[in-house]
């Protein structure tokens, strides 16, 4: 994927507080406190021009049913809480909502991890 293809993702993501640009498996990514919530899909099973976005499995099922031309998953990603997005097919508002949801999902996972580690 060309860097310009990731530009809309970068622009939306950077508007959220605390989001940093980074890499994941050598590809451009957005992270919050070091945890990836969206990145250029690097696995060979993903279609070129795809974004991997962290979502819970219920949300992923809804996205896949709602817009299978935009969202998809390959065998490699089935076991991960993520959905693949064809960037050339997603509308800006839908991308913004998806990234906001991914950010909330990752932050929620981080809170759960901290709670499990906290002494009782």
N, C-alpha and C. Protein backbone atom coordinates (compact mmCIF):
# COMPACT_ATOMS: atom_id res chain seq x y z
N UNK A 1 0.85 -1.18 0.00
CA UNK A 1 0.00 0.00 0.00
C UNK A 1 0.89 1.24 0.00
N UNK A 2 0.54 2.18 -0.81
CA UNK A 2 1.28 3.44 -0.83
C UNK A 2 0.94 4.26 0.41
N UNK A 3 1.90 5.05 0.87
CA UNK A 3 1.69 5.86 2.07
C UNK A 3 0.48 6.78 1.91
N UNK A 4 0.23 7.26 0.70
CA UNK A 4 -0.90 8.17 0.49
C UNK A 4 -2.23 7.47 0.74
N UNK A 5 -2.30 6.15 0.55
CA UNK A 5 -3.52 5.42 0.80
C UNK A 5 -3.86 5.41 2.30
N UNK A 6 -2.83 5.51 3.12
CA UNK A 6 -3.02 5.50 4.57
C UNK A 6 -3.29 6.91 5.10
N UNK A 7 -3.18 7.91 4.24
CA UNK A 7 -3.27 9.30 4.69
C UNK A 7 -4.61 9.63 5.34
N UNK A 8 -5.72 9.15 4.80
CA UNK A 8 -7.03 9.44 5.40
C UNK A 8 -7.13 8.80 6.79
N UNK A 9 -6.60 7.59 6.93
CA UNK A 9 -6.59 6.90 8.22
C UNK A 9 -5.76 7.70 9.22
N UNK A 10 -4.60 8.12 8.79
CA UNK A 10 -3.69 8.91 9.63
C UNK A 10 -4.36 10.20 10.08
N UNK A 11 -4.98 10.89 9.16
CA UNK A 11 -5.60 12.18 9.47
C UNK A 11 -6.73 12.03 10.49
N UNK A 12 -7.59 11.04 10.29
CA UNK A 12 -8.69 10.80 11.23
C UNK A 12 -8.13 10.36 12.59
N UNK A 13 -7.24 9.40 12.58
CA UNK A 13 -6.69 8.85 13.82
C UNK A 13 -5.96 9.87 14.66
N UNK A 14 -5.21 10.74 14.02
CA UNK A 14 -4.42 11.74 14.76
C UNK A 14 -5.30 12.77 15.44
N UNK A 15 -6.56 12.86 15.05
CA UNK A 15 -7.48 13.81 15.68
C UNK A 15 -7.94 13.31 17.05
N UNK A 16 -7.78 12.02 17.32
CA UNK A 16 -8.17 11.46 18.62
C UNK A 16 -7.05 11.70 19.63
N UNK A 17 -7.39 12.10 20.86
CA UNK A 17 -6.37 12.38 21.87
C UNK A 17 -5.51 11.14 22.18
N UNK A 18 -4.21 11.36 22.26
CA UNK A 18 -3.28 10.31 22.67
C UNK A 18 -2.86 9.34 21.58
N UNK A 19 -3.39 9.48 20.39
CA UNK A 19 -3.06 8.55 19.30
C UNK A 19 -1.69 8.91 18.74
N UNK A 20 -0.90 7.87 18.51
CA UNK A 20 0.43 8.07 17.93
C UNK A 20 0.57 7.25 16.66
N UNK A 21 1.36 7.77 15.74
CA UNK A 21 1.70 7.03 14.53
C UNK A 21 2.89 6.15 14.83
N UNK A 22 2.85 4.95 14.29
CA UNK A 22 3.92 4.00 14.53
C UNK A 22 3.94 3.01 13.38
N UNK A 23 4.49 1.85 13.64
CA UNK A 23 4.46 0.76 12.66
C UNK A 23 4.05 -0.52 13.36
N UNK A 24 3.58 -1.46 12.57
CA UNK A 24 3.23 -2.79 13.05
C UNK A 24 3.61 -3.74 11.92
N UNK A 25 4.52 -4.66 12.21
CA UNK A 25 5.04 -5.57 11.19
C UNK A 25 5.57 -4.79 9.99
N UNK A 26 6.20 -3.64 10.28
CA UNK A 26 6.83 -2.83 9.24
C UNK A 26 5.88 -1.96 8.43
N UNK A 27 4.62 -1.96 8.77
CA UNK A 27 3.62 -1.17 8.03
C UNK A 27 3.11 -0.02 8.91
N UNK A 28 2.62 1.06 8.29
CA UNK A 28 2.07 2.18 9.06
C UNK A 28 0.94 1.72 9.97
N UNK A 29 0.92 2.29 11.18
CA UNK A 29 -0.09 1.90 12.17
C UNK A 29 -0.44 3.08 13.05
N UNK A 30 -1.60 2.99 13.67
CA UNK A 30 -2.02 3.93 14.70
C UNK A 30 -2.10 3.17 16.00
N UNK A 31 -1.57 3.79 17.06
CA UNK A 31 -1.53 3.15 18.37
C UNK A 31 -1.97 4.13 19.45
N UNK A 32 -2.42 3.56 20.55
CA UNK A 32 -2.71 4.33 21.75
C UNK A 32 -1.90 3.69 22.87
N UNK A 33 -1.06 4.46 23.51
CA UNK A 33 -0.16 3.96 24.57
C UNK A 33 0.55 2.67 24.15
N UNK A 34 1.01 2.66 22.91
CA UNK A 34 1.79 1.53 22.41
C UNK A 34 0.99 0.36 21.89
N UNK A 35 -0.33 0.43 21.98
CA UNK A 35 -1.19 -0.68 21.52
C UNK A 35 -1.83 -0.31 20.19
N UNK A 36 -1.63 -1.18 19.19
CA UNK A 36 -2.16 -0.94 17.85
C UNK A 36 -3.68 -1.07 17.83
N UNK A 37 -4.33 -0.14 17.13
CA UNK A 37 -5.76 -0.30 16.90
C UNK A 37 -6.12 -0.26 15.42
N UNK A 38 -5.19 0.16 14.58
CA UNK A 38 -5.40 0.12 13.12
C UNK A 38 -4.04 0.12 12.44
N UNK A 39 -3.90 -0.72 11.42
CA UNK A 39 -2.64 -0.75 10.67
C UNK A 39 -2.90 -1.25 9.26
N UNK A 40 -1.96 -0.94 8.39
CA UNK A 40 -2.01 -1.49 7.05
C UNK A 40 -1.87 -3.01 7.18
N UNK A 41 -2.79 -3.73 6.58
CA UNK A 41 -2.77 -5.20 6.67
C UNK A 41 -1.54 -5.72 5.95
N UNK A 42 -0.69 -6.43 6.69
CA UNK A 42 0.58 -6.88 6.13
C UNK A 42 0.59 -8.36 5.75
N UNK A 43 -0.35 -9.14 6.24
CA UNK A 43 -0.35 -10.57 5.92
C UNK A 43 -0.70 -10.77 4.45
N UNK A 44 -0.04 -11.72 3.84
CA UNK A 44 -0.22 -11.95 2.39
C UNK A 44 -1.64 -12.34 2.02
N UNK A 45 -2.43 -12.80 2.99
CA UNK A 45 -3.82 -13.17 2.69
C UNK A 45 -4.73 -11.96 2.51
N UNK A 46 -4.30 -10.80 2.98
CA UNK A 46 -5.11 -9.58 2.86
C UNK A 46 -4.98 -9.01 1.46
N UNK A 47 -6.06 -8.45 0.97
CA UNK A 47 -6.03 -7.79 -0.34
C UNK A 47 -5.18 -6.53 -0.25
N UNK A 48 -4.49 -6.18 -1.34
CA UNK A 48 -3.75 -4.91 -1.34
C UNK A 48 -4.71 -3.75 -1.06
N UNK A 49 -4.21 -2.76 -0.33
CA UNK A 49 -5.04 -1.60 -0.02
C UNK A 49 -5.99 -1.83 1.13
N UNK A 50 -5.69 -2.81 1.99
CA UNK A 50 -6.56 -3.13 3.12
C UNK A 50 -5.97 -2.62 4.42
N UNK A 51 -6.86 -2.33 5.33
CA UNK A 51 -6.51 -1.89 6.66
C UNK A 51 -7.00 -2.94 7.65
N UNK A 52 -6.19 -3.30 8.62
CA UNK A 52 -6.61 -4.19 9.71
C UNK A 52 -7.00 -3.31 10.88
N UNK A 53 -8.20 -3.51 11.41
CA UNK A 53 -8.74 -2.67 12.47
C UNK A 53 -9.22 -3.57 13.60
N UNK A 54 -8.82 -3.24 14.83
CA UNK A 54 -9.22 -4.03 16.00
C UNK A 54 -10.68 -3.75 16.34
N UNK A 55 -11.46 -4.81 16.42
CA UNK A 55 -12.86 -4.73 16.82
C UNK A 55 -13.21 -6.01 17.56
N UNK A 56 -14.24 -5.95 18.40
CA UNK A 56 -14.65 -7.20 19.05
C UNK A 56 -15.37 -8.07 18.02
N UNK A 57 -15.46 -9.35 18.33
CA UNK A 57 -15.97 -10.31 17.35
C UNK A 57 -17.44 -10.10 17.02
N UNK A 58 -18.22 -9.60 17.96
CA UNK A 58 -19.62 -9.30 17.69
C UNK A 58 -19.74 -8.16 16.70
N UNK A 59 -18.95 -7.11 16.92
CA UNK A 59 -18.96 -5.97 15.99
C UNK A 59 -18.48 -6.41 14.62
N UNK A 60 -17.45 -7.26 14.57
CA UNK A 60 -16.94 -7.75 13.28
C UNK A 60 -18.04 -8.48 12.53
N UNK A 61 -18.77 -9.36 13.21
CA UNK A 61 -19.85 -10.10 12.55
C UNK A 61 -20.88 -9.15 11.96
N UNK A 62 -21.21 -8.09 12.69
CA UNK A 62 -22.15 -7.10 12.19
C UNK A 62 -21.64 -6.37 10.96
N UNK A 63 -20.38 -5.98 10.99
CA UNK A 63 -19.79 -5.29 9.84
C UNK A 63 -19.76 -6.18 8.61
N UNK A 64 -19.37 -7.45 8.80
CA UNK A 64 -19.31 -8.38 7.68
C UNK A 64 -20.69 -8.61 7.06
N UNK A 65 -21.72 -8.67 7.90
CA UNK A 65 -23.08 -8.87 7.41
C UNK A 65 -23.62 -7.60 6.74
N UNK A 66 -23.26 -6.46 7.30
CA UNK A 66 -23.78 -5.17 6.84
C UNK A 66 -23.18 -4.74 5.50
N UNK A 67 -21.88 -4.94 5.32
CA UNK A 67 -21.21 -4.43 4.11
C UNK A 67 -20.05 -5.35 3.71
N UNK A 68 -20.36 -6.54 3.18
CA UNK A 68 -19.29 -7.48 2.83
C UNK A 68 -18.40 -7.00 1.68
N UNK A 69 -18.84 -5.98 0.96
CA UNK A 69 -17.99 -5.41 -0.09
C UNK A 69 -16.91 -4.50 0.50
N UNK A 70 -17.12 -4.01 1.72
CA UNK A 70 -16.17 -3.12 2.40
C UNK A 70 -15.32 -3.89 3.41
N UNK A 71 -15.97 -4.73 4.21
CA UNK A 71 -15.30 -5.44 5.30
C UNK A 71 -15.16 -6.92 4.96
N UNK A 72 -14.07 -7.51 5.38
CA UNK A 72 -13.87 -8.93 5.16
C UNK A 72 -12.86 -9.45 6.17
N UNK A 73 -12.69 -10.76 6.18
CA UNK A 73 -11.71 -11.40 7.05
C UNK A 73 -11.15 -12.60 6.27
N UNK A 74 -9.89 -12.88 6.46
CA UNK A 74 -9.29 -14.07 5.86
C UNK A 74 -9.03 -15.08 6.97
N UNK A 75 -8.69 -16.30 6.59
CA UNK A 75 -8.43 -17.34 7.58
C UNK A 75 -7.39 -16.90 8.61
N UNK A 76 -6.38 -16.17 8.16
CA UNK A 76 -5.33 -15.72 9.08
C UNK A 76 -5.89 -14.86 10.21
N UNK A 77 -6.87 -14.02 9.92
CA UNK A 77 -7.40 -13.06 10.88
C UNK A 77 -8.60 -13.56 11.69
N UNK A 78 -9.12 -14.74 11.35
CA UNK A 78 -10.32 -15.25 12.01
C UNK A 78 -10.19 -15.31 13.52
N UNK A 79 -9.05 -15.72 14.02
CA UNK A 79 -8.87 -15.87 15.46
C UNK A 79 -8.53 -14.59 16.20
N UNK A 80 -8.40 -13.49 15.49
CA UNK A 80 -8.04 -12.22 16.10
C UNK A 80 -9.25 -11.29 16.16
N UNK A 81 -9.33 -10.44 17.18
CA UNK A 81 -10.43 -9.46 17.24
C UNK A 81 -10.12 -8.30 16.28
N UNK A 82 -10.30 -8.57 15.00
CA UNK A 82 -9.98 -7.57 13.98
C UNK A 82 -10.83 -7.82 12.73
N UNK A 83 -10.98 -6.78 11.95
CA UNK A 83 -11.65 -6.87 10.66
C UNK A 83 -10.75 -6.21 9.62
N UNK A 84 -10.81 -6.69 8.40
CA UNK A 84 -10.08 -6.07 7.30
C UNK A 84 -11.03 -5.15 6.55
N UNK A 85 -10.49 -4.02 6.10
CA UNK A 85 -11.29 -2.99 5.44
C UNK A 85 -10.66 -2.66 4.10
N UNK A 86 -11.47 -2.68 3.06
CA UNK A 86 -11.01 -2.25 1.74
C UNK A 86 -11.10 -0.71 1.74
N UNK A 87 -9.94 -0.08 1.89
CA UNK A 87 -9.92 1.39 2.07
C UNK A 87 -10.57 2.13 0.90
N UNK A 88 -10.44 1.62 -0.30
CA UNK A 88 -11.02 2.33 -1.45
C UNK A 88 -12.55 2.24 -1.49
N UNK A 89 -13.13 1.42 -0.61
CA UNK A 89 -14.59 1.25 -0.61
C UNK A 89 -15.29 1.90 0.58
N UNK A 90 -14.54 2.29 1.62
CA UNK A 90 -15.18 2.81 2.82
C UNK A 90 -15.37 4.33 2.74
N UNK A 91 -16.50 4.78 3.18
CA UNK A 91 -16.80 6.23 3.19
C UNK A 91 -16.10 6.88 4.39
N UNK A 92 -15.71 8.16 4.27
CA UNK A 92 -15.00 8.82 5.36
C UNK A 92 -15.70 8.76 6.72
N UNK A 93 -17.02 8.95 6.75
CA UNK A 93 -17.74 8.90 8.03
C UNK A 93 -17.69 7.50 8.64
N UNK A 94 -17.82 6.48 7.80
CA UNK A 94 -17.76 5.10 8.28
C UNK A 94 -16.36 4.79 8.80
N UNK A 95 -15.33 5.30 8.12
CA UNK A 95 -13.96 5.09 8.57
C UNK A 95 -13.73 5.76 9.91
N UNK A 96 -14.21 6.97 10.07
CA UNK A 96 -14.08 7.69 11.34
C UNK A 96 -14.76 6.91 12.47
N UNK A 97 -15.98 6.44 12.23
CA UNK A 97 -16.70 5.67 13.25
C UNK A 97 -15.98 4.37 13.58
N UNK A 98 -15.46 3.70 12.56
CA UNK A 98 -14.74 2.45 12.76
C UNK A 98 -13.49 2.67 13.60
N UNK A 99 -12.73 3.71 13.28
CA UNK A 99 -11.50 4.00 14.02
C UNK A 99 -11.82 4.41 15.47
N UNK A 100 -12.87 5.19 15.66
CA UNK A 100 -13.27 5.57 17.02
C UNK A 100 -13.65 4.34 17.82
N UNK A 101 -14.39 3.43 17.21
CA UNK A 101 -14.77 2.19 17.88
C UNK A 101 -13.56 1.32 18.20
N UNK A 102 -12.61 1.26 17.27
CA UNK A 102 -11.39 0.47 17.48
C UNK A 102 -10.58 1.04 18.64
N UNK A 103 -10.50 2.34 18.69
CA UNK A 103 -9.78 3.00 19.78
C UNK A 103 -10.44 2.67 21.13
N UNK A 104 -11.76 2.76 21.19
CA UNK A 104 -12.48 2.44 22.43
C UNK A 104 -12.29 0.97 22.80
N UNK A 105 -12.32 0.09 21.81
CA UNK A 105 -12.14 -1.34 22.06
C UNK A 105 -10.77 -1.60 22.68
N UNK A 106 -9.72 -1.03 22.10
CA UNK A 106 -8.36 -1.25 22.61
C UNK A 106 -8.21 -0.64 24.00
N UNK A 107 -8.75 0.54 24.21
CA UNK A 107 -8.68 1.15 25.54
C UNK A 107 -9.41 0.29 26.57
N UNK A 108 -10.54 -0.29 26.19
CA UNK A 108 -11.27 -1.19 27.08
C UNK A 108 -10.45 -2.44 27.40
N UNK A 109 -9.78 -2.99 26.42
CA UNK A 109 -8.92 -4.16 26.64
C UNK A 109 -7.77 -3.80 27.59
N UNK A 110 -7.22 -2.61 27.45
CA UNK A 110 -6.13 -2.17 28.32
C UNK A 110 -6.62 -2.03 29.76
N UNK A 111 -7.84 -1.49 29.94
CA UNK A 111 -8.41 -1.36 31.29
C UNK A 111 -8.61 -2.74 31.91
N UNK A 112 -9.10 -3.70 31.12
CA UNK A 112 -9.30 -5.07 31.63
C UNK A 112 -7.97 -5.68 32.07
N UNK A 113 -6.92 -5.46 31.28
CA UNK A 113 -5.60 -6.00 31.63
C UNK A 113 -5.09 -5.40 32.93
N UNK A 114 -5.25 -4.08 33.08
CA UNK A 114 -4.81 -3.42 34.31
C UNK A 114 -5.59 -3.95 35.51
N UNK A 115 -6.89 -4.16 35.34
CA UNK A 115 -7.72 -4.65 36.44
C UNK A 115 -7.29 -6.06 36.85
N UNK A 116 -6.93 -6.89 35.89
CA UNK A 116 -6.48 -8.25 36.21
C UNK A 116 -5.14 -8.25 36.95
N UNK A 117 -4.30 -7.27 36.65
CA UNK A 117 -2.98 -7.19 37.27
C UNK A 117 -3.00 -6.51 38.62
N UNK A 118 -4.06 -5.75 38.89
CA UNK A 118 -4.13 -5.01 40.14
C UNK A 118 -4.25 -5.97 41.32
N UNK A 119 -3.53 -5.66 42.42
CA UNK A 119 -3.65 -6.51 43.62
C UNK A 119 -5.04 -6.39 44.21
N UNK A 120 -5.55 -7.48 44.70
CA UNK A 120 -6.90 -7.49 45.28
C UNK A 120 -6.86 -7.40 46.77
